[in-house]
Amino acid sequence: MLYESEEDTKKLLRECDAGIKMGIASLDDMVSKADDPELEQVLKDSKQEHIKLRVKAEKQLNKIGDKGKAPNPMAKSMSYVKTQLTMQTGTDKDAAGLVTKGCEKGIQSLHKYLDKYSYADNQSRGLTTEIITAEQKLISELGRFSG
């Protein structure tokens, strides 16, 4: 059981790490596309929050001797292309919608990983919950731009 716990902890942290990196890259892509200064600030603030979460994930990964995981290159590329195409003629409403969809996918994935890696330690499960909370907060803040 101890080995299973260590393995689940490592796998959960790696998925968190990849997801946070994906989130930071997506927010970075979108910040420059926002016309509304308030939307731009919401995105910048969320990016900073994600960077702090990334540092926490990195510390936990370092403690177990793991380097983390890069986001899926295909998913990252598709996200970038979708952002570029949508925002060529898109509005802040479209930007908020794209980020919201990304957050929703991230939350869904993290819940799946919490279930899949059920033996992960409390610290890694806590980090996962923090990331979910950050995503939910961003969705809530983006609501005023997508209506």
N, C-alpha and C. Protein backbone atom coordinates (compact mmCIF):
# COMPACT_ATOMS: atom_id res chain seq x y z
N MET A 1 0.83 -1.20 0.00
CA MET A 1 0.00 0.00 0.00
C MET A 1 0.87 1.26 0.00
N LEU A 2 2.02 1.18 0.71
CA LEU A 2 2.90 2.35 0.75
C LEU A 2 3.40 2.69 -0.65
N TYR A 3 3.81 1.65 -1.39
CA TYR A 3 4.29 1.90 -2.75
C TYR A 3 3.18 2.51 -3.61
N GLU A 4 1.96 1.98 -3.46
CA GLU A 4 0.83 2.49 -4.23
C GLU A 4 0.57 3.96 -3.89
N SER A 5 0.72 4.30 -2.62
CA SER A 5 0.54 5.68 -2.19
C SER A 5 1.58 6.59 -2.84
N GLU A 6 2.84 6.15 -2.82
CA GLU A 6 3.91 6.95 -3.42
C GLU A 6 3.70 7.11 -4.92
N GLU A 7 3.31 6.02 -5.56
CA GLU A 7 3.10 6.03 -7.01
C GLU A 7 1.92 6.95 -7.37
N ASP A 8 0.81 6.84 -6.64
CA ASP A 8 -0.36 7.69 -6.89
C ASP A 8 -0.03 9.16 -6.63
N THR A 9 0.75 9.42 -5.60
CA THR A 9 1.15 10.80 -5.28
C THR A 9 1.95 11.38 -6.44
N LYS A 10 2.92 10.61 -6.93
CA LYS A 10 3.75 11.07 -8.05
C LYS A 10 2.90 11.33 -9.28
N LYS A 11 2.02 10.41 -9.61
CA LYS A 11 1.19 10.55 -10.81
C LYS A 11 0.24 11.74 -10.70
N LEU A 12 -0.36 11.92 -9.53
CA LEU A 12 -1.28 13.05 -9.33
C LEU A 12 -0.52 14.38 -9.45
N LEU A 13 0.63 14.46 -8.82
CA LEU A 13 1.43 15.69 -8.90
C LEU A 13 1.88 15.98 -10.33
N ARG A 14 2.21 14.95 -11.07
CA ARG A 14 2.63 15.14 -12.47
C ARG A 14 1.47 15.69 -13.31
N GLU A 15 0.28 15.18 -13.08
CA GLU A 15 -0.89 15.68 -13.81
C GLU A 15 -1.20 17.13 -13.41
N CYS A 16 -1.08 17.43 -12.14
CA CYS A 16 -1.28 18.81 -11.68
C CYS A 16 -0.27 19.74 -12.34
N ASP A 17 0.98 19.31 -12.36
CA ASP A 17 2.05 20.10 -12.95
C ASP A 17 1.78 20.39 -14.43
N ALA A 18 1.41 19.35 -15.17
CA ALA A 18 1.12 19.53 -16.60
C ALA A 18 -0.07 20.46 -16.80
N GLY A 19 -1.10 20.30 -15.97
CA GLY A 19 -2.29 21.14 -16.08
C GLY A 19 -2.01 22.59 -15.77
N ILE A 20 -1.22 22.82 -14.73
CA ILE A 20 -0.87 24.20 -14.37
C ILE A 20 -0.07 24.85 -15.50
N LYS A 21 0.89 24.12 -16.05
CA LYS A 21 1.69 24.66 -17.15
C LYS A 21 0.79 25.01 -18.34
N MET A 22 -0.16 24.14 -18.63
CA MET A 22 -1.10 24.38 -19.73
C MET A 22 -1.92 25.65 -19.43
N GLY A 23 -2.39 25.77 -18.20
CA GLY A 23 -3.17 26.94 -17.81
C GLY A 23 -2.38 28.23 -17.94
N ILE A 24 -1.15 28.21 -17.48
CA ILE A 24 -0.30 29.41 -17.56
C ILE A 24 -0.08 29.80 -19.02
N ALA A 25 0.22 28.82 -19.86
CA ALA A 25 0.44 29.10 -21.29
C ALA A 25 -0.82 29.68 -21.92
N SER A 26 -1.97 29.11 -21.60
CA SER A 26 -3.24 29.59 -22.16
C SER A 26 -3.55 31.01 -21.70
N LEU A 27 -3.35 31.26 -20.42
CA LEU A 27 -3.61 32.61 -19.89
C LEU A 27 -2.65 33.60 -20.53
N ASP A 28 -1.40 33.18 -20.70
CA ASP A 28 -0.40 34.04 -21.34
C ASP A 28 -0.82 34.39 -22.76
N ASP A 29 -1.32 33.40 -23.51
CA ASP A 29 -1.80 33.64 -24.87
C ASP A 29 -2.95 34.63 -24.88
N MET A 30 -3.82 34.53 -23.90
CA MET A 30 -5.06 35.30 -23.90
C MET A 30 -4.90 36.72 -23.37
N VAL A 31 -3.96 36.94 -22.47
CA VAL A 31 -3.78 38.27 -21.87
C VAL A 31 -3.63 39.35 -22.94
N SER A 32 -2.81 39.08 -23.92
CA SER A 32 -2.54 40.08 -24.96
C SER A 32 -3.74 40.28 -25.90
N LYS A 33 -4.68 39.37 -25.85
CA LYS A 33 -5.84 39.46 -26.74
C LYS A 33 -7.00 40.24 -26.13
N ALA A 34 -6.95 40.47 -24.83
CA ALA A 34 -8.06 41.14 -24.14
C ALA A 34 -8.06 42.64 -24.46
N ASP A 35 -9.23 43.14 -24.84
CA ASP A 35 -9.37 44.58 -25.09
C ASP A 35 -9.73 45.32 -23.80
N ASP A 36 -10.59 44.71 -23.01
CA ASP A 36 -11.07 45.31 -21.77
C ASP A 36 -9.95 45.23 -20.72
N PRO A 37 -9.52 46.39 -20.18
CA PRO A 37 -8.45 46.37 -19.17
C PRO A 37 -8.82 45.54 -17.93
N GLU A 38 -10.10 45.49 -17.60
CA GLU A 38 -10.52 44.69 -16.44
C GLU A 38 -10.33 43.20 -16.73
N LEU A 39 -10.69 42.77 -17.93
CA LEU A 39 -10.48 41.37 -18.30
C LEU A 39 -9.00 41.04 -18.32
N GLU A 40 -8.22 41.93 -18.87
CA GLU A 40 -6.77 41.72 -18.91
C GLU A 40 -6.23 41.54 -17.49
N GLN A 41 -6.71 42.34 -16.55
CA GLN A 41 -6.24 42.25 -15.17
C GLN A 41 -6.67 40.93 -14.51
N VAL A 42 -7.90 40.51 -14.77
CA VAL A 42 -8.38 39.23 -14.24
C VAL A 42 -7.49 38.10 -14.73
N LEU A 43 -7.16 38.12 -16.01
CA LEU A 43 -6.30 37.09 -16.60
C LEU A 43 -4.89 37.15 -16.01
N LYS A 44 -4.34 38.35 -15.86
CA LYS A 44 -3.01 38.50 -15.27
C LYS A 44 -2.98 38.01 -13.83
N ASP A 45 -4.01 38.36 -13.06
CA ASP A 45 -4.07 37.93 -11.66
C ASP A 45 -4.16 36.41 -11.57
N SER A 46 -4.96 35.81 -12.44
CA SER A 46 -5.10 34.36 -12.44
C SER A 46 -3.78 33.70 -12.84
N LYS A 47 -3.10 34.29 -13.81
CA LYS A 47 -1.80 33.74 -14.22
C LYS A 47 -0.83 33.74 -13.03
N GLN A 48 -0.82 34.83 -12.27
CA GLN A 48 0.06 34.90 -11.09
C GLN A 48 -0.32 33.84 -10.05
N GLU A 49 -1.62 33.64 -9.87
CA GLU A 49 -2.08 32.61 -8.94
C GLU A 49 -1.64 31.22 -9.43
N HIS A 50 -1.74 30.99 -10.73
CA HIS A 50 -1.30 29.72 -11.29
C HIS A 50 0.22 29.53 -11.14
N ILE A 51 0.97 30.60 -11.26
CA ILE A 51 2.42 30.52 -11.08
C ILE A 51 2.75 30.11 -9.64
N LYS A 52 2.02 30.67 -8.68
CA LYS A 52 2.23 30.29 -7.27
C LYS A 52 1.90 28.81 -7.06
N LEU A 53 0.83 28.34 -7.69
CA LEU A 53 0.47 26.93 -7.58
C LEU A 53 1.53 26.05 -8.24
N ARG A 54 2.10 26.54 -9.32
CA ARG A 54 3.17 25.81 -10.02
C ARG A 54 4.38 25.65 -9.11
N VAL A 55 4.71 26.70 -8.36
CA VAL A 55 5.83 26.63 -7.41
C VAL A 55 5.55 25.58 -6.34
N LYS A 56 4.31 25.55 -5.84
CA LYS A 56 3.94 24.54 -4.84
C LYS A 56 4.07 23.13 -5.42
N ALA A 57 3.59 22.96 -6.64
CA ALA A 57 3.68 21.65 -7.29
C ALA A 57 5.15 21.24 -7.46
N GLU A 58 5.96 22.20 -7.89
CA GLU A 58 7.38 21.93 -8.10
C GLU A 58 8.07 21.50 -6.81
N LYS A 59 7.73 22.19 -5.71
CA LYS A 59 8.32 21.83 -4.41
C LYS A 59 7.94 20.41 -4.01
N GLN A 60 6.66 20.07 -4.20
CA GLN A 60 6.21 18.72 -3.85
C GLN A 60 6.88 17.68 -4.75
N LEU A 61 7.00 18.00 -6.03
CA LEU A 61 7.67 17.07 -6.96
C LEU A 61 9.15 16.90 -6.59
N ASN A 62 9.81 18.00 -6.24
CA ASN A 62 11.22 17.93 -5.86
C ASN A 62 11.42 17.04 -4.64
N LYS A 63 10.48 17.11 -3.69
CA LYS A 63 10.57 16.30 -2.48
C LYS A 63 10.55 14.81 -2.78
N ILE A 64 9.86 14.44 -3.84
CA ILE A 64 9.80 13.01 -4.19
C ILE A 64 10.75 12.66 -5.34
N GLY A 65 11.59 13.63 -5.72
CA GLY A 65 12.61 13.38 -6.74
C GLY A 65 12.07 13.25 -8.15
N ASP A 66 11.04 14.04 -8.47
CA ASP A 66 10.45 13.96 -9.81
C ASP A 66 10.53 15.34 -10.47
N LYS A 67 10.69 15.33 -11.78
CA LYS A 67 10.83 16.58 -12.55
C LYS A 67 9.51 17.15 -13.04
N GLY A 68 8.41 16.40 -12.87
CA GLY A 68 7.13 16.90 -13.36
C GLY A 68 6.83 16.40 -14.75
N LYS A 69 5.85 17.01 -15.36
CA LYS A 69 5.37 16.55 -16.66
C LYS A 69 5.01 17.75 -17.53
N ALA A 70 5.40 17.69 -18.76
CA ALA A 70 5.03 18.75 -19.71
C ALA A 70 3.59 18.51 -20.18
N PRO A 71 2.89 19.58 -20.53
CA PRO A 71 1.55 19.39 -21.08
C PRO A 71 1.62 18.60 -22.39
N ASN A 72 0.55 17.94 -22.71
CA ASN A 72 0.46 17.21 -23.97
C ASN A 72 0.72 18.19 -25.11
N PRO A 73 1.75 17.94 -25.93
CA PRO A 73 2.10 18.89 -27.00
C PRO A 73 0.96 19.13 -27.99
N MET A 74 0.20 18.09 -28.30
CA MET A 74 -0.91 18.24 -29.24
C MET A 74 -2.00 19.12 -28.63
N ALA A 75 -2.33 18.88 -27.37
CA ALA A 75 -3.36 19.68 -26.70
C ALA A 75 -2.91 21.14 -26.59
N LYS A 76 -1.64 21.34 -26.27
CA LYS A 76 -1.12 22.70 -26.15
C LYS A 76 -1.15 23.42 -27.49
N SER A 77 -0.77 22.73 -28.55
CA SER A 77 -0.78 23.32 -29.89
C SER A 77 -2.20 23.65 -30.34
N MET A 78 -3.11 22.71 -30.10
CA MET A 78 -4.50 22.94 -30.50
C MET A 78 -5.10 24.12 -29.73
N SER A 79 -4.77 24.23 -28.47
CA SER A 79 -5.27 25.34 -27.66
C SER A 79 -4.74 26.67 -28.22
N TYR A 80 -3.47 26.69 -28.55
CA TYR A 80 -2.86 27.91 -29.09
C TYR A 80 -3.52 28.30 -30.42
N VAL A 81 -3.67 27.34 -31.30
CA VAL A 81 -4.27 27.61 -32.62
C VAL A 81 -5.71 28.08 -32.46
N LYS A 82 -6.46 27.42 -31.59
CA LYS A 82 -7.85 27.80 -31.36
C LYS A 82 -7.93 29.24 -30.83
N THR A 83 -7.04 29.57 -29.92
CA THR A 83 -7.00 30.94 -29.39
C THR A 83 -6.70 31.94 -30.50
N GLN A 84 -5.69 31.64 -31.31
CA GLN A 84 -5.30 32.57 -32.37
C GLN A 84 -6.43 32.76 -33.39
N LEU A 85 -7.05 31.66 -33.80
CA LEU A 85 -8.13 31.75 -34.79
C LEU A 85 -9.36 32.47 -34.23
N THR A 86 -9.74 32.11 -33.03
CA THR A 86 -10.93 32.72 -32.42
C THR A 86 -10.73 34.21 -32.21
N MET A 87 -9.54 34.58 -31.78
CA MET A 87 -9.32 35.98 -31.40
C MET A 87 -8.94 36.88 -32.57
N GLN A 88 -8.80 36.31 -33.78
CA GLN A 88 -8.57 37.18 -34.94
C GLN A 88 -9.76 38.11 -35.13
N THR A 89 -10.93 37.59 -34.94
CA THR A 89 -12.14 38.41 -35.08
C THR A 89 -12.97 38.38 -33.81
N GLY A 90 -12.44 37.77 -32.77
CA GLY A 90 -13.19 37.57 -31.53
C GLY A 90 -13.25 38.80 -30.64
N THR A 91 -14.13 38.70 -29.68
CA THR A 91 -14.36 39.76 -28.71
C THR A 91 -13.88 39.29 -27.34
N ASP A 92 -13.98 40.18 -26.36
CA ASP A 92 -13.65 39.80 -25.00
C ASP A 92 -14.59 38.70 -24.51
N LYS A 93 -15.81 38.72 -25.00
CA LYS A 93 -16.77 37.67 -24.65
C LYS A 93 -16.25 36.32 -25.14
N ASP A 94 -15.72 36.29 -26.36
CA ASP A 94 -15.14 35.06 -26.90
C ASP A 94 -13.92 34.62 -26.09
N ALA A 95 -13.09 35.57 -25.71
CA ALA A 95 -11.91 35.27 -24.91
C ALA A 95 -12.31 34.66 -23.57
N ALA A 96 -13.27 35.28 -22.92
CA ALA A 96 -13.75 34.78 -21.63
C ALA A 96 -14.34 33.37 -21.80
N GLY A 97 -15.04 33.16 -22.89
CA GLY A 97 -15.63 31.84 -23.15
C GLY A 97 -14.57 30.77 -23.36
N LEU A 98 -13.53 31.09 -24.11
CA LEU A 98 -12.45 30.13 -24.34
C LEU A 98 -11.75 29.76 -23.04
N VAL A 99 -11.44 30.76 -22.23
CA VAL A 99 -10.75 30.49 -20.97
C VAL A 99 -11.66 29.69 -20.04
N THR A 100 -12.94 30.03 -20.02
CA THR A 100 -13.89 29.30 -19.19
C THR A 100 -13.94 27.83 -19.59
N LYS A 101 -14.00 27.56 -20.89
CA LYS A 101 -14.02 26.17 -21.37
C LYS A 101 -12.74 25.43 -20.95
N GLY A 102 -11.61 26.12 -21.04
CA GLY A 102 -10.35 25.52 -20.61
C GLY A 102 -10.36 25.18 -19.13
N CYS A 103 -10.88 26.10 -18.33
CA CYS A 103 -10.98 25.86 -16.89
C CYS A 103 -11.89 24.67 -16.59
N GLU A 104 -13.01 24.62 -17.29
CA GLU A 104 -13.95 23.51 -17.07
C GLU A 104 -13.31 22.17 -17.42
N LYS A 105 -12.55 22.13 -18.52
CA LYS A 105 -11.86 20.88 -18.88
C LYS A 105 -10.81 20.53 -17.83
N GLY A 106 -10.11 21.54 -17.34
CA GLY A 106 -9.10 21.31 -16.30
C GLY A 106 -9.71 20.76 -15.02
N ILE A 107 -10.82 21.35 -14.60
CA ILE A 107 -11.51 20.89 -13.39
C ILE A 107 -11.96 19.44 -13.56
N GLN A 108 -12.54 19.16 -14.71
CA GLN A 108 -13.01 17.81 -15.01
C GLN A 108 -11.85 16.80 -14.94
N SER A 109 -10.74 17.16 -15.54
CA SER A 109 -9.56 16.28 -15.52
C SER A 109 -9.04 16.07 -14.10
N LEU A 110 -8.97 17.15 -13.34
CA LEU A 110 -8.44 17.04 -11.98
C LEU A 110 -9.33 16.16 -11.10
N HIS A 111 -10.63 16.28 -11.25
CA HIS A 111 -11.54 15.41 -10.49
C HIS A 111 -11.31 13.95 -10.89
N LYS A 112 -11.11 13.71 -12.18
CA LYS A 112 -10.84 12.36 -12.67
C LYS A 112 -9.56 11.82 -12.04
N TYR A 113 -8.52 12.66 -11.98
CA TYR A 113 -7.25 12.21 -11.42
C TYR A 113 -7.34 12.01 -9.91
N LEU A 114 -8.14 12.81 -9.22
CA LEU A 114 -8.34 12.60 -7.78
C LEU A 114 -8.95 11.21 -7.54
N ASP A 115 -9.88 10.84 -8.39
CA ASP A 115 -10.50 9.51 -8.27
C ASP A 115 -9.52 8.41 -8.67
N LYS A 116 -8.82 8.62 -9.77
CA LYS A 116 -7.92 7.60 -10.31
C LYS A 116 -6.74 7.32 -9.36
N TYR A 117 -6.20 8.38 -8.77
CA TYR A 117 -5.04 8.25 -7.88
C TYR A 117 -5.47 8.44 -6.43
N SER A 118 -6.39 7.59 -6.02
CA SER A 118 -7.04 7.75 -4.72
C SER A 118 -6.11 7.51 -3.54
N TYR A 119 -4.96 6.88 -3.76
CA TYR A 119 -4.01 6.66 -2.67
C TYR A 119 -2.97 7.78 -2.54
N ALA A 120 -3.10 8.81 -3.34
CA ALA A 120 -2.16 9.94 -3.26
C ALA A 120 -2.22 10.57 -1.87
N ASP A 121 -1.10 11.12 -1.44
CA ASP A 121 -1.05 11.69 -0.09
C ASP A 121 -1.90 12.96 0.02
N ASN A 122 -2.14 13.35 1.25
CA ASN A 122 -3.02 14.50 1.52
C ASN A 122 -2.47 15.80 0.96
N GLN A 123 -1.17 15.96 0.95
CA GLN A 123 -0.57 17.20 0.45
C GLN A 123 -0.82 17.36 -1.06
N SER A 124 -0.65 16.30 -1.81
CA SER A 124 -0.88 16.38 -3.26
C SER A 124 -2.37 16.52 -3.55
N ARG A 125 -3.21 15.86 -2.78
CA ARG A 125 -4.67 15.99 -2.95
C ARG A 125 -5.10 17.42 -2.61
N GLY A 126 -4.46 18.00 -1.60
CA GLY A 126 -4.76 19.38 -1.21
C GLY A 126 -4.38 20.35 -2.31
N LEU A 127 -3.24 20.14 -2.93
CA LEU A 127 -2.81 20.99 -4.05
C LEU A 127 -3.80 20.88 -5.20
N THR A 128 -4.24 19.67 -5.48
CA THR A 128 -5.21 19.46 -6.55
C THR A 128 -6.48 20.24 -6.27
N THR A 129 -6.93 20.21 -5.04
CA THR A 129 -8.13 20.95 -4.64
C THR A 129 -7.90 22.46 -4.77
N GLU A 130 -6.70 22.92 -4.43
CA GLU A 130 -6.38 24.34 -4.59
C GLU A 130 -6.46 24.77 -6.05
N ILE A 131 -5.97 23.92 -6.93
CA ILE A 131 -6.01 24.23 -8.36
C ILE A 131 -7.46 24.29 -8.84
N ILE A 132 -8.26 23.33 -8.42
CA ILE A 132 -9.68 23.32 -8.78
C ILE A 132 -10.35 24.60 -8.30
N THR A 133 -10.06 25.00 -7.08
CA THR A 133 -10.64 26.23 -6.52
C THR A 133 -10.21 27.46 -7.32
N ALA A 134 -8.94 27.50 -7.73
CA ALA A 134 -8.45 28.63 -8.54
C ALA A 134 -9.18 28.68 -9.89
N GLU A 135 -9.41 27.51 -10.48
CA GLU A 135 -10.12 27.45 -11.77
C GLU A 135 -11.57 27.90 -11.60
N GLN A 136 -12.21 27.46 -10.52
CA GLN A 136 -13.60 27.85 -10.25
C GLN A 136 -13.70 29.36 -10.02
N LYS A 137 -12.73 29.90 -9.32
CA LYS A 137 -12.70 31.34 -9.06
C LYS A 137 -12.57 32.11 -10.38
N LEU A 138 -11.71 31.64 -11.26
CA LEU A 138 -11.52 32.31 -12.56
C LEU A 138 -12.81 32.23 -13.38
N ILE A 139 -13.45 31.08 -13.40
CA ILE A 139 -14.72 30.95 -14.13
C ILE A 139 -15.73 31.96 -13.59
N SER A 140 -15.79 32.08 -12.29
CA SER A 140 -16.72 33.02 -11.66
C SER A 140 -16.41 34.46 -12.07
N GLU A 141 -15.13 34.82 -12.05
CA GLU A 141 -14.73 36.18 -12.41
C GLU A 141 -14.96 36.47 -13.89
N LEU A 142 -14.85 35.45 -14.72
CA LEU A 142 -15.04 35.64 -16.16
C LEU A 142 -16.51 35.76 -16.53
N GLY A 143 -17.38 35.35 -15.65
CA GLY A 143 -18.82 35.39 -15.91
C GLY A 143 -19.31 36.75 -16.35
N ARG A 144 -18.77 37.78 -15.77
CA ARG A 144 -19.24 39.15 -16.12
C ARG A 144 -18.80 39.59 -17.51
N PHE A 145 -17.83 38.89 -18.09
CA PHE A 145 -17.38 39.26 -19.43
C PHE A 145 -18.03 38.42 -20.53
N SER A 146 -18.65 37.32 -20.14
CA SER A 146 -19.21 36.44 -21.16
C SER A 146 -20.72 36.59 -21.30
N GLY A 147 -21.31 37.45 -20.54
CA GLY A 147 -22.77 37.64 -20.62
C GLY A 147 -23.11 38.73 -21.52
